[in-house]
Amino acid sequence: MNLPYFDAAEVRASLPFDRAIAAIEDALRGQTDPEIDGPRIFAPAPDGEFLLMPAIGQGYTGLKVATIAPLNPAKGEEKIQGVYLLFGSSNLTPIASMDGAELTAIRTPAATLTAVKNIAEAPGGTPFTRTPKVLVFGAGVQALNHIRAAKSVFPEGTFAVVGQRIERIQALVEQLATEDITVTRGTVEDVPNADVILCVTSSPTPLFDGSLPADHAIIASVGQHGLDAREVDETLVKRSEVVVEGRASSWRESGDLIPARSVEEWKEINPANLKDLVNGKFSRVGGKPTLYTGVGMAWEDLVSAAVVYEDHRSNNA
């Protein structure tokens, strides 16, 4: 079997953020439904764990195999690594493999900014500014790529980063400066004046007081999965209009939402999911911030991997 492999650079070249966001929106306007996405499968591995994320589609089906090795950063190695395997749905024949870590690093901010973009465009509430102040919590790969994605959606926005390690913030600022994106160092004191707050950390506890964000703010919390981890507090959850990546996935894995309210309460509220949002079935509520929460879903990997493969096929036709 001659199975093509697309490395990180090839994945990145096929998925600039405007294209990655458009692919997710197109999928959600079509037959992709986050509520039928399969659950993430966890399995133990030496000094870490495997994450297995299968997804089924009409044209393509895929599986991401990722590893999380918490001890790796101290050794100068990557904490998250992985491979994506793409199959043709008609016969389940393997047709490509690609760098799973880079795919994750792109599809996560693409999904987040799909949500933020569509919330900003939704009717109701305070009209959203074209020059938003974007505040990012975190200074790792996801923070870097969330700023890149946010710049593609809000080209006139301003960007600030809050992080614990000054050297990582400086490295992020310097990297983005080479891409003509100006980023300053922020603090928690910037929260009340932010229009968009992106939380992309591994913090197990809330990053700021939930009473601080402005009523018109959009907050996205996407750095964690697991019911024992939360980036935002109960105060913010209960004062916000909530949009979720997927309802079923949130009840399984969103510590931001549970135990702020029970699963039974959330089912009664029935918050809009990403598909509802993209298809115009969400309106903002005046006097309330909007909170988007995501845990990362397998259908996003599949949609993104299909773009990479289609690029390869067209370039070699």
C-alpha atoms as a PDB file:
ATOM      1  CA  MET A   1       0.000   0.000   0.000  1.00  0.00           C
ATOM      2  CA  ASN A   2       1.396   3.386  -1.056  1.00  0.00           C
ATOM      3  CA  LEU A   3      -0.239   5.655   1.516  1.00  0.00           C
ATOM      4  CA  PRO A   4       0.648   9.344   1.152  1.00  0.00           C
ATOM      5  CA  TYR A   5       1.719  11.163   4.307  1.00  0.00           C
ATOM      6  CA  PHE A   6       1.296  14.925   4.705  1.00  0.00           C
ATOM      7  CA  ASP A   7       3.654  16.492   7.196  1.00  0.00           C
ATOM      8  CA  ALA A   8       2.979  19.526   9.374  1.00  0.00           C
ATOM      9  CA  ALA A   9       4.086  22.011   6.729  1.00  0.00           C
ATOM     10  CA  GLU A  10       1.789  20.464   4.104  1.00  0.00           C
ATOM     11  CA  VAL A  11      -1.161  20.434   6.508  1.00  0.00           C
ATOM     12  CA  ARG A  12      -0.522  24.069   7.373  1.00  0.00           C
ATOM     13  CA  ALA A  13      -0.202  25.098   3.723  1.00  0.00           C
ATOM     14  CA  SER A  14      -3.604  23.577   2.906  1.00  0.00           C
ATOM     15  CA  LEU A  15      -5.384  25.150   5.870  1.00  0.00           C
ATOM     16  CA  PRO A  16      -4.876  28.894   6.181  1.00  0.00           C
ATOM     17  CA  PHE A  17      -7.349  30.006   8.804  1.00  0.00           C
ATOM     18  CA  ASP A  18      -9.828  31.696   6.496  1.00  0.00           C
ATOM     19  CA  ARG A  19     -10.071  28.465   4.530  1.00  0.00           C
ATOM     20  CA  ALA A  20     -10.227  26.249   7.631  1.00  0.00           C
ATOM     21  CA  ILE A  21     -13.064  28.361   9.082  1.00  0.00           C
ATOM     22  CA  ALA A  22     -14.943  28.323   5.783  1.00  0.00           C
ATOM     23  CA  ALA A  23     -14.628  24.513   5.590  1.00  0.00           C
ATOM     24  CA  ILE A  24     -16.125  24.122   9.076  1.00  0.00           C
ATOM     25  CA  GLU A  25     -18.965  26.518   8.245  1.00  0.00           C
ATOM     26  CA  ASP A  26     -19.687  24.693   4.973  1.00  0.00           C
ATOM     27  CA  ALA A  27     -19.773  21.345   6.765  1.00  0.00           C
ATOM     28  CA  LEU A  28     -22.183  22.664   9.395  1.00  0.00           C
ATOM     29  CA  ARG A  29     -24.443  24.148   6.725  1.00  0.00           C
ATOM     30  CA  GLY A  30     -24.534  20.699   5.168  1.00  0.00           C
ATOM     31  CA  GLN A  31     -25.080  17.304   6.768  1.00  0.00           C
ATOM     32  CA  THR A  32     -22.454  17.469   9.531  1.00  0.00           C
ATOM     33  CA  ASP A  33     -24.165  17.241  12.923  1.00  0.00           C
ATOM     34  CA  PRO A  34     -22.089  17.623  16.111  1.00  0.00           C
ATOM     35  CA  GLU A  35     -24.719  15.691  18.052  1.00  0.00           C
ATOM     36  CA  ILE A  36     -23.982  12.426  16.270  1.00  0.00           C
ATOM     37  CA  ASP A  37     -20.207  12.738  16.625  1.00  0.00           C
ATOM     38  CA  GLY A  38     -18.769   9.752  18.467  1.00  0.00           C
ATOM     39  CA  PRO A  39     -17.289  10.083  21.959  1.00  0.00           C
ATOM     40  CA  ARG A  40     -13.563  10.461  22.458  1.00  0.00           C
ATOM     41  CA  ILE A  41     -11.933   7.198  23.544  1.00  0.00           C
ATOM     42  CA  PHE A  42      -9.241   7.283  26.242  1.00  0.00           C
ATOM     43  CA  ALA A  43      -6.680   4.503  26.713  1.00  0.00           C
ATOM     44  CA  PRO A  44      -3.622   4.340  28.964  1.00  0.00           C
ATOM     45  CA  ALA A  45      -0.108   4.711  27.555  1.00  0.00           C
ATOM     46  CA  PRO A  46       3.317   4.786  29.284  1.00  0.00           C
ATOM     47  CA  ASP A  47       3.520   8.062  31.278  1.00  0.00           C
ATOM     48  CA  GLY A  48       0.448   9.388  29.500  1.00  0.00           C
ATOM     49  CA  GLU A  49      -2.588   8.365  27.496  1.00  0.00           C
ATOM     50  CA  PHE A  50      -3.932   7.724  24.015  1.00  0.00           C
ATOM     51  CA  LEU A  51      -6.869   9.656  22.606  1.00  0.00           C
ATOM     52  CA  LEU A  52      -8.747   7.928  19.788  1.00  0.00           C
ATOM     53  CA  MET A  53     -11.190  10.086  17.829  1.00  0.00           C
ATOM     54  CA  PRO A  54     -13.137   8.394  14.996  1.00  0.00           C
ATOM     55  CA  ALA A  55     -15.465  10.347  12.702  1.00  0.00           C
ATOM     56  CA  ILE A  56     -17.778   9.248   9.900  1.00  0.00           C
ATOM     57  CA  GLY A  57     -18.745  11.230   6.811  1.00  0.00           C
ATOM     58  CA  GLN A  58     -20.353  10.648   3.436  1.00  0.00           C
ATOM     59  CA  GLY A  59     -17.194  10.989   1.370  1.00  0.00           C
ATOM     60  CA  TYR A  60     -14.512  10.377   3.947  1.00  0.00           C
ATOM     61  CA  THR A  61     -14.131   8.664   7.292  1.00  0.00           C
ATOM     62  CA  GLY A  62     -11.191   9.127   9.621  1.00  0.00           C
ATOM     63  CA  LEU A  63      -9.450   8.385  12.879  1.00  0.00           C
ATOM     64  CA  LYS A  64      -7.105  10.569  14.882  1.00  0.00           C
ATOM     65  CA  VAL A  65      -4.676   8.769  17.175  1.00  0.00           C
ATOM     66  CA  ALA A  66      -3.139  11.275  19.575  1.00  0.00           C
ATOM     67  CA  THR A  67      -0.863  10.869  22.573  1.00  0.00           C
ATOM     68  CA  ILE A  68      -0.631  13.120  25.612  1.00  0.00           C
ATOM     69  CA  ALA A  69       2.672  12.828  27.457  1.00  0.00           C
ATOM     70  CA  PRO A  70       2.746  15.289  30.395  1.00  0.00           C
ATOM     71  CA  LEU A  71       6.434  14.604  31.133  1.00  0.00           C
ATOM     72  CA  ASN A  72       7.622  15.466  27.622  1.00  0.00           C
ATOM     73  CA  PRO A  73       7.916  19.279  27.911  1.00  0.00           C
ATOM     74  CA  ALA A  74      10.520  18.912  30.686  1.00  0.00           C
ATOM     75  CA  LYS A  75      12.544  16.824  28.221  1.00  0.00           C
ATOM     76  CA  GLY A  76      12.185  19.366  25.427  1.00  0.00           C
ATOM     77  CA  GLU A  77       9.653  17.215  23.562  1.00  0.00           C
ATOM     78  CA  GLU A  78       6.059  17.812  22.526  1.00  0.00           C
ATOM     79  CA  LYS A  79       3.295  17.053  25.005  1.00  0.00           C
ATOM     80  CA  ILE A  80       0.730  16.259  22.285  1.00  0.00           C
ATOM     81  CA  GLN A  81       1.587  14.212  19.206  1.00  0.00           C
ATOM     82  CA  GLY A  82      -0.473  12.195  16.774  1.00  0.00           C
ATOM     83  CA  VAL A  83      -1.339  10.861  13.364  1.00  0.00           C
ATOM     84  CA  TYR A  84      -4.526  11.209  11.357  1.00  0.00           C
ATOM     85  CA  LEU A  85      -5.697   8.358   9.109  1.00  0.00           C
ATOM     86  CA  LEU A  86      -8.164   9.162   6.332  1.00  0.00           C
ATOM     87  CA  PHE A  87     -10.331   6.511   4.639  1.00  0.00           C
ATOM     88  CA  GLY A  88     -12.745   6.537   1.730  1.00  0.00           C
ATOM     89  CA  SER A  89     -16.228   6.013   3.122  1.00  0.00           C
ATOM     90  CA  SER A  90     -17.456   3.903   0.194  1.00  0.00           C
ATOM     91  CA  ASN A  91     -15.033   1.044   0.846  1.00  0.00           C
ATOM     92  CA  LEU A  92     -13.125   2.035   4.032  1.00  0.00           C
ATOM     93  CA  THR A  93      -9.826   1.886   2.165  1.00  0.00           C
ATOM     94  CA  PRO A  94      -7.042   3.967   3.735  1.00  0.00           C
ATOM     95  CA  ILE A  95      -6.188   6.843   1.383  1.00  0.00           C
ATOM     96  CA  ALA A  96      -3.913   9.183   3.362  1.00  0.00           C
ATOM     97  CA  SER A  97      -2.221   9.915   6.647  1.00  0.00           C
ATOM     98  CA  MET A  98      -1.075  13.241   8.033  1.00  0.00           C
ATOM     99  CA  ASP A  99       0.390  15.022  11.038  1.00  0.00           C
ATOM    100  CA  GLY A 100      -2.317  14.831  13.704  1.00  0.00           C
ATOM    101  CA  ALA A 101      -0.795  17.402  16.052  1.00  0.00           C
ATOM    102  CA  GLU A 102      -0.704  20.093  13.365  1.00  0.00           C
ATOM    103  CA  LEU A 103      -4.237  19.209  12.309  1.00  0.00           C
ATOM    104  CA  THR A 104      -5.361  19.688  15.919  1.00  0.00           C
ATOM    105  CA  ALA A 105      -3.431  22.945  16.233  1.00  0.00           C
ATOM    106  CA  ILE A 106      -5.378  24.330  13.269  1.00  0.00           C
ATOM    107  CA  ARG A 107      -8.861  22.872  13.595  1.00  0.00           C
ATOM    108  CA  THR A 108      -9.271  23.935  17.235  1.00  0.00           C
ATOM    109  CA  PRO A 109      -8.855  27.694  16.630  1.00  0.00           C
ATOM    110  CA  ALA A 110     -10.762  27.370  13.360  1.00  0.00           C
ATOM    111  CA  ALA A 111     -13.748  25.966  15.271  1.00  0.00           C
ATOM    112  CA  THR A 112     -13.397  28.588  18.010  1.00  0.00           C
ATOM    113  CA  LEU A 113     -13.305  31.498  15.582  1.00  0.00           C
ATOM    114  CA  THR A 114     -16.181  30.005  13.621  1.00  0.00           C
ATOM    115  CA  ALA A 115     -18.158  30.350  16.833  1.00  0.00           C
ATOM    116  CA  VAL A 116     -16.878  33.831  17.721  1.00  0.00           C
ATOM    117  CA  LYS A 117     -17.433  35.124  14.181  1.00  0.00           C
ATOM    118  CA  ASN A 118     -20.995  33.870  14.020  1.00  0.00           C
ATOM    119  CA  ILE A 119     -21.845  35.085  17.522  1.00  0.00           C
ATOM    120  CA  ALA A 120     -20.534  38.531  16.580  1.00  0.00           C
ATOM    121  CA  GLU A 121     -22.745  38.488  13.474  1.00  0.00           C
ATOM    122  CA  ALA A 122     -25.834  37.161  15.293  1.00  0.00           C
ATOM    123  CA  PRO A 123     -28.806  39.504  15.761  1.00  0.00           C
ATOM    124  CA  GLY A 124     -29.672  41.013  19.139  1.00  0.00           C
ATOM    125  CA  GLY A 125     -27.584  42.568  21.856  1.00  0.00           C
ATOM    126  CA  THR A 126     -25.070  45.386  21.400  1.00  0.00           C
ATOM    127  CA  PRO A 127     -23.795  45.786  17.822  1.00  0.00           C
ATOM    128  CA  PHE A 128     -20.325  44.277  17.635  1.00  0.00           C
ATOM    129  CA  THR A 129     -17.330  46.476  16.901  1.00  0.00           C
ATOM    130  CA  ARG A 130     -15.251  45.910  13.767  1.00  0.00           C
ATOM    131  CA  THR A 131     -12.117  46.684  15.775  1.00  0.00           C
ATOM    132  CA  PRO A 132     -12.488  44.420  18.807  1.00  0.00           C
ATOM    133  CA  LYS A 133     -10.047  44.199  21.658  1.00  0.00           C
ATOM    134  CA  VAL A 134      -9.075  40.526  21.759  1.00  0.00           C
ATOM    135  CA  LEU A 135      -7.601  39.209  25.014  1.00  0.00           C
ATOM    136  CA  VAL A 136      -6.029  35.744  24.978  1.00  0.00           C
ATOM    137  CA  PHE A 137      -5.275  33.660  28.067  1.00  0.00           C
ATOM    138  CA  GLY A 138      -2.420  31.271  27.300  1.00  0.00           C
ATOM    139  CA  ALA A 139       0.888  31.539  25.452  1.00  0.00           C
ATOM    140  CA  GLY A 140       1.338  28.125  23.853  1.00  0.00           C
ATOM    141  CA  VAL A 141       0.675  26.765  20.374  1.00  0.00           C
ATOM    142  CA  GLN A 142      -3.085  27.137  20.716  1.00  0.00           C
ATOM    143  CA  ALA A 143      -2.752  30.775  21.825  1.00  0.00           C
ATOM    144  CA  LEU A 144      -0.482  31.469  18.856  1.00  0.00           C
ATOM    145  CA  ASN A 145      -2.921  29.909  16.405  1.00  0.00           C
ATOM    146  CA  HIS A 146      -6.010  31.432  18.013  1.00  0.00           C
ATOM    147  CA  ILE A 147      -4.502  34.871  17.476  1.00  0.00           C
ATOM    148  CA  ARG A 148      -3.747  34.010  13.843  1.00  0.00           C
ATOM    149  CA  ALA A 149      -7.318  32.779  13.390  1.00  0.00           C
ATOM    150  CA  ALA A 150      -8.748  35.838  15.167  1.00  0.00           C
ATOM    151  CA  LYS A 151      -6.675  38.114  12.922  1.00  0.00           C
ATOM    152  CA  SER A 152      -8.241  36.456   9.870  1.00  0.00           C
ATOM    153  CA  VAL A 153     -11.734  37.186  11.247  1.00  0.00           C
ATOM    154  CA  PHE A 154     -11.014  40.599  12.782  1.00  0.00           C
ATOM    155  CA  PRO A 155      -8.213  42.106  10.676  1.00  0.00           C
ATOM    156  CA  GLU A 156      -8.552  45.460  12.446  1.00  0.00           C
ATOM    157  CA  GLY A 157      -8.624  44.001  15.950  1.00  0.00           C
ATOM    158  CA  THR A 158      -6.026  44.523  18.674  1.00  0.00           C
ATOM    159  CA  PHE A 159      -4.477  41.632  20.554  1.00  0.00           C
ATOM    160  CA  ALA A 160      -3.098  41.103  24.058  1.00  0.00           C
ATOM    161  CA  VAL A 161      -1.894  37.930  25.786  1.00  0.00           C
ATOM    162  CA  VAL A 162      -2.026  36.895  29.437  1.00  0.00           C
ATOM    163  CA  GLY A 163       0.338  34.114  30.467  1.00  0.00           C
ATOM    164  CA  GLN A 164       2.366  32.826  33.387  1.00  0.00           C
ATOM    165  CA  ARG A 165       5.748  32.520  31.680  1.00  0.00           C
ATOM    166  CA  ILE A 166       7.227  35.757  30.375  1.00  0.00           C
ATOM    167  CA  GLU A 167       9.605  33.959  28.013  1.00  0.00           C
ATOM    168  CA  ARG A 168       6.731  32.157  26.269  1.00  0.00           C
ATOM    169  CA  ILE A 169       4.782  35.397  25.886  1.00  0.00           C
ATOM    170  CA  GLN A 170       7.864  37.089  24.426  1.00  0.00           C
ATOM    171  CA  ALA A 171       8.425  34.242  21.972  1.00  0.00           C
ATOM    172  CA  LEU A 172       4.768  34.463  20.857  1.00  0.00           C
ATOM    173  CA  VAL A 173       4.970  38.245  20.461  1.00  0.00           C
ATOM    174  CA  GLU A 174       8.173  37.987  18.429  1.00  0.00           C
ATOM    175  CA  GLN A 175       6.828  35.229  16.181  1.00  0.00           C
ATOM    176  CA  LEU A 176       3.617  37.097  15.396  1.00  0.00           C
ATOM    177  CA  ALA A 177       5.530  40.319  14.759  1.00  0.00           C
ATOM    178  CA  THR A 178       7.195  38.536  11.821  1.00  0.00           C
ATOM    179  CA  GLU A 179       3.655  37.961  10.474  1.00  0.00           C
ATOM    180  CA  ASP A 180       2.650  41.631  10.891  1.00  0.00           C
ATOM    181  CA  ILE A 181       0.439  40.869  13.889  1.00  0.00           C
ATOM    182  CA  THR A 182       1.075  43.167  16.837  1.00  0.00           C
ATOM    183  CA  VAL A 183       0.492  41.618  20.254  1.00  0.00           C
ATOM    184  CA  THR A 184       1.000  43.240  23.655  1.00  0.00           C
ATOM    185  CA  ARG A 185       1.289  41.709  27.096  1.00  0.00           C
ATOM    186  CA  GLY A 186      -2.023  41.825  28.972  1.00  0.00           C
ATOM    187  CA  THR A 187      -3.243  41.201  32.502  1.00  0.00           C
ATOM    188  CA  VAL A 188      -6.460  40.156  34.206  1.00  0.00           C
ATOM    189  CA  GLU A 189      -7.162  43.871  34.632  1.00  0.00           C
ATOM    190  CA  ASP A 190      -7.827  44.004  30.861  1.00  0.00           C
ATOM    191  CA  VAL A 191     -10.818  41.641  31.115  1.00  0.00           C
ATOM    192  CA  PRO A 192     -13.522  44.341  31.650  1.00  0.00           C
ATOM    193  CA  ASN A 193     -12.447  46.222  28.512  1.00  0.00           C
ATOM    194  CA  ALA A 194     -12.101  43.193  26.217  1.00  0.00           C
ATOM    195  CA  ASP A 195     -14.612  42.551  23.450  1.00  0.00           C
ATOM    196  CA  VAL A 196     -13.410  38.982  22.832  1.00  0.00           C
ATOM    197  CA  ILE A 197     -11.750  36.775  25.452  1.00  0.00           C
ATOM    198  CA  LEU A 198     -10.149  33.531  24.269  1.00  0.00           C
ATOM    199  CA  CYS A 199      -9.223  30.999  26.969  1.00  0.00           C
ATOM    200  CA  VAL A 200      -6.761  28.413  25.650  1.00  0.00           C
ATOM    201  CA  THR A 201      -4.904  27.217  28.746  1.00  0.00           C
ATOM    202  CA  SER A 202      -4.342  24.018  30.676  1.00  0.00           C
ATOM    203  CA  SER A 203      -5.439  25.680  33.919  1.00  0.00           C
ATOM    204  CA  PRO A 204      -7.685  23.443  36.048  1.00  0.00           C
ATOM    205  CA  THR A 205      -9.160  26.482  37.830  1.00  0.00           C
ATOM    206  CA  PRO A 206     -10.959  29.629  36.578  1.00  0.00           C
ATOM    207  CA  LEU A 207      -8.732  32.290  35.047  1.00  0.00           C
ATOM    208  CA  PHE A 208     -10.670  35.360  36.189  1.00  0.00           C
ATOM    209  CA  ASP A 209     -13.697  36.518  38.147  1.00  0.00           C
ATOM    210  CA  GLY A 210     -16.768  35.863  36.026  1.00  0.00           C
ATOM    211  CA  SER A 211     -18.329  39.186  36.994  1.00  0.00           C
ATOM    212  CA  LEU A 212     -15.561  41.091  35.162  1.00  0.00           C
ATOM    213  CA  PRO A 213     -16.351  40.624  31.434  1.00  0.00           C
ATOM    214  CA  ALA A 214     -18.477  43.344  29.843  1.00  0.00           C
ATOM    215  CA  ASP A 215     -22.095  42.595  29.023  1.00  0.00           C
ATOM    216  CA  HIS A 216     -21.359  42.730  25.289  1.00  0.00           C
ATOM    217  CA  ALA A 217     -18.254  40.484  25.457  1.00  0.00           C
ATOM    218  CA  ILE A 218     -17.817  37.151  23.706  1.00  0.00           C
ATOM    219  CA  ILE A 219     -15.855  34.621  25.762  1.00  0.00           C
ATOM    220  CA  ALA A 220     -14.586  31.329  24.336  1.00  0.00           C
ATOM    221  CA  SER A 221     -13.247  28.634  26.652  1.00  0.00           C
ATOM    222  CA  VAL A 222     -11.635  25.815  24.665  1.00  0.00           C
ATOM    223  CA  GLY A 223      -8.394  24.916  26.423  1.00  0.00           C
ATOM    224  CA  GLN A 224      -9.647  21.984  28.470  1.00  0.00           C
ATOM    225  CA  HIS A 225     -11.695  18.822  28.296  1.00  0.00           C
ATOM    226  CA  GLY A 226     -12.795  16.858  31.331  1.00  0.00           C
ATOM    227  CA  LEU A 227     -15.319  17.450  34.073  1.00  0.00           C
ATOM    228  CA  ASP A 228     -12.576  18.191  36.623  1.00  0.00           C
ATOM    229  CA  ALA A 229     -11.098  21.170  34.730  1.00  0.00           C
ATOM    230  CA  ARG A 230     -12.509  24.634  34.164  1.00  0.00           C
ATOM    231  CA  GLU A 231     -11.180  27.896  32.759  1.00  0.00           C
ATOM    232  CA  VAL A 232     -14.260  29.966  33.644  1.00  0.00           C
ATOM    233  CA  ASP A 233     -16.250  30.117  36.848  1.00  0.00           C
ATOM    234  CA  GLU A 234     -19.860  29.484  37.766  1.00  0.00           C
ATOM    235  CA  THR A 235     -20.535  33.222  37.927  1.00  0.00           C
ATOM    236  CA  LEU A 236     -19.719  33.698  34.256  1.00  0.00           C
ATOM    237  CA  VAL A 237     -21.602  30.581  33.187  1.00  0.00           C
ATOM    238  CA  LYS A 238     -24.774  31.657  34.958  1.00  0.00           C
ATOM    239  CA  ARG A 239     -24.741  35.277  33.767  1.00  0.00           C
ATOM    240  CA  SER A 240     -24.010  34.390  30.127  1.00  0.00           C
ATOM    241  CA  GLU A 241     -25.925  33.220  27.118  1.00  0.00           C
ATOM    242  CA  VAL A 242     -24.206  29.896  26.375  1.00  0.00           C
ATOM    243  CA  VAL A 243     -23.354  28.333  23.015  1.00  0.00           C
ATOM    244  CA  VAL A 244     -21.735  24.892  22.949  1.00  0.00           C
ATOM    245  CA  GLU A 245     -19.655  23.076  20.366  1.00  0.00           C
ATOM    246  CA  GLY A 246     -21.934  20.083  20.807  1.00  0.00           C
ATOM    247  CA  ARG A 247     -24.506  19.369  23.481  1.00  0.00           C
ATOM    248  CA  ALA A 248     -23.739  15.686  24.003  1.00  0.00           C
ATOM    249  CA  SER A 249     -19.977  16.259  24.069  1.00  0.00           C
ATOM    250  CA  SER A 250     -20.444  19.073  26.594  1.00  0.00           C
ATOM    251  CA  TRP A 251     -22.449  16.895  28.953  1.00  0.00           C
ATOM    252  CA  ARG A 252     -19.656  14.306  28.776  1.00  0.00           C
ATOM    253  CA  GLU A 253     -16.593  16.526  29.037  1.00  0.00           C
ATOM    254  CA  SER A 254     -17.202  20.221  29.767  1.00  0.00           C
ATOM    255  CA  GLY A 255     -16.051  21.070  33.280  1.00  0.00           C
ATOM    256  CA  ASP A 256     -16.797  24.710  32.454  1.00  0.00           C
ATOM    257  CA  LEU A 257     -20.511  23.932  32.364  1.00  0.00           C
ATOM    258  CA  ILE A 258     -20.803  21.087  34.856  1.00  0.00           C
ATOM    259  CA  PRO A 259     -21.239  21.383  37.846  1.00  0.00           C
ATOM    260  CA  ALA A 260     -22.197  25.063  37.345  1.00  0.00           C
ATOM    261  CA  ARG A 261     -25.475  23.444  36.341  1.00  0.00           C
ATOM    262  CA  SER A 262     -26.405  19.776  36.249  1.00  0.00           C
ATOM    263  CA  VAL A 263     -26.744  17.838  33.006  1.00  0.00           C
ATOM    264  CA  GLU A 264     -30.491  17.748  33.609  1.00  0.00           C
ATOM    265  CA  GLU A 265     -30.604  21.539  33.894  1.00  0.00           C
ATOM    266  CA  TRP A 266     -28.570  21.972  30.713  1.00  0.00           C
ATOM    267  CA  LYS A 267     -30.822  19.581  28.838  1.00  0.00           C
ATOM    268  CA  GLU A 268     -33.796  21.698  29.928  1.00  0.00           C
ATOM    269  CA  ILE A 269     -32.047  24.901  28.771  1.00  0.00           C
ATOM    270  CA  ASN A 270     -30.987  23.208  25.496  1.00  0.00           C
ATOM    271  CA  PRO A 271     -28.295  25.738  24.488  1.00  0.00           C
ATOM    272  CA  ALA A 272     -27.532  26.363  20.821  1.00  0.00           C
ATOM    273  CA  ASN A 273     -24.724  24.272  19.390  1.00  0.00           C
ATOM    274  CA  LEU A 274     -22.255  25.239  16.667  1.00  0.00           C
ATOM    275  CA  LYS A 275     -24.522  23.983  13.888  1.00  0.00           C
ATOM    276  CA  ASP A 276     -27.449  26.046  15.208  1.00  0.00           C
ATOM    277  CA  LEU A 277     -25.190  29.078  15.385  1.00  0.00           C
ATOM    278  CA  VAL A 278     -23.830  28.800  11.835  1.00  0.00           C
ATOM    279  CA  ASN A 279     -27.329  28.234  10.478  1.00  0.00           C
ATOM    280  CA  GLY A 280     -28.729  31.412  12.026  1.00  0.00           C
ATOM    281  CA  LYS A 281     -30.658  29.765  14.863  1.00  0.00           C
ATOM    282  CA  PHE A 282     -29.125  31.868  17.612  1.00  0.00           C
ATOM    283  CA  SER A 283     -29.773  35.421  18.758  1.00  0.00           C
ATOM    284  CA  ARG A 284     -27.792  37.329  21.358  1.00  0.00           C
ATOM    285  CA  VAL A 285     -29.494  38.597  24.490  1.00  0.00           C
ATOM    286  CA  GLY A 286     -28.980  42.233  25.423  1.00  0.00           C
ATOM    287  CA  GLY A 287     -27.237  42.836  28.727  1.00  0.00           C
ATOM    288  CA  LYS A 288     -25.538  39.416  28.750  1.00  0.00           C
ATOM    289  CA  PRO A 289     -22.116  38.256  27.610  1.00  0.00           C
ATOM    290  CA  THR A 290     -22.036  35.218  25.341  1.00  0.00           C
ATOM    291  CA  LEU A 291     -19.953  32.219  26.427  1.00  0.00           C
ATOM    292  CA  TYR A 292     -18.839  29.589  23.909  1.00  0.00           C
ATOM    293  CA  THR A 293     -17.383  26.354  25.243  1.00  0.00           C
ATOM    294  CA  GLY A 294     -15.694  23.613  23.250  1.00  0.00           C
ATOM    295  CA  VAL A 295     -13.843  20.411  24.093  1.00  0.00           C
ATOM    296  CA  GLY A 296     -12.609  19.466  20.606  1.00  0.00           C
ATOM    297  CA  MET A 297     -14.551  17.078  18.390  1.00  0.00           C
ATOM    298  CA  ALA A 298     -13.644  14.407  15.855  1.00  0.00           C
ATOM    299  CA  TRP A 299     -15.807  15.797  13.028  1.00  0.00           C
ATOM    300  CA  GLU A 300     -13.608  18.921  12.982  1.00  0.00           C
ATOM    301  CA  ASP A 301     -10.527  16.768  12.343  1.00  0.00           C
ATOM    302  CA  LEU A 302     -12.302  14.943   9.528  1.00  0.00           C
ATOM    303  CA  VAL A 303     -13.478  18.135   7.818  1.00  0.00           C
ATOM    304  CA  SER A 304      -9.980  19.595   8.016  1.00  0.00           C
ATOM    305  CA  ALA A 305      -8.218  16.404   6.891  1.00  0.00           C
ATOM    306  CA  ALA A 306     -10.509  16.211   3.865  1.00  0.00           C
ATOM    307  CA  VAL A 307      -9.361  19.689   2.782  1.00  0.00           C
ATOM    308  CA  VAL A 308      -5.724  18.596   2.985  1.00  0.00           C
ATOM    309  CA  TYR A 309      -6.401  15.445   0.986  1.00  0.00           C
ATOM    310  CA  GLU A 310      -8.472  17.237  -1.650  1.00  0.00           C
ATOM    311  CA  ASP A 311      -5.577  19.662  -2.115  1.00  0.00           C
ATOM    312  CA  HIS A 312      -3.243  16.753  -2.723  1.00  0.00           C
ATOM    313  CA  ARG A 313      -5.619  15.098  -5.163  1.00  0.00           C
ATOM    314  CA  SER A 314      -6.189  18.267  -7.198  1.00  0.00           C
ATOM    315  CA  ASN A 315      -2.486  19.113  -7.275  1.00  0.00           C
ATOM    316  CA  ASN A 316      -1.673  15.650  -8.604  1.00  0.00           C
ATOM    317  CA  ALA A 317      -4.545  15.323 -11.040  1.00  0.00           C
END
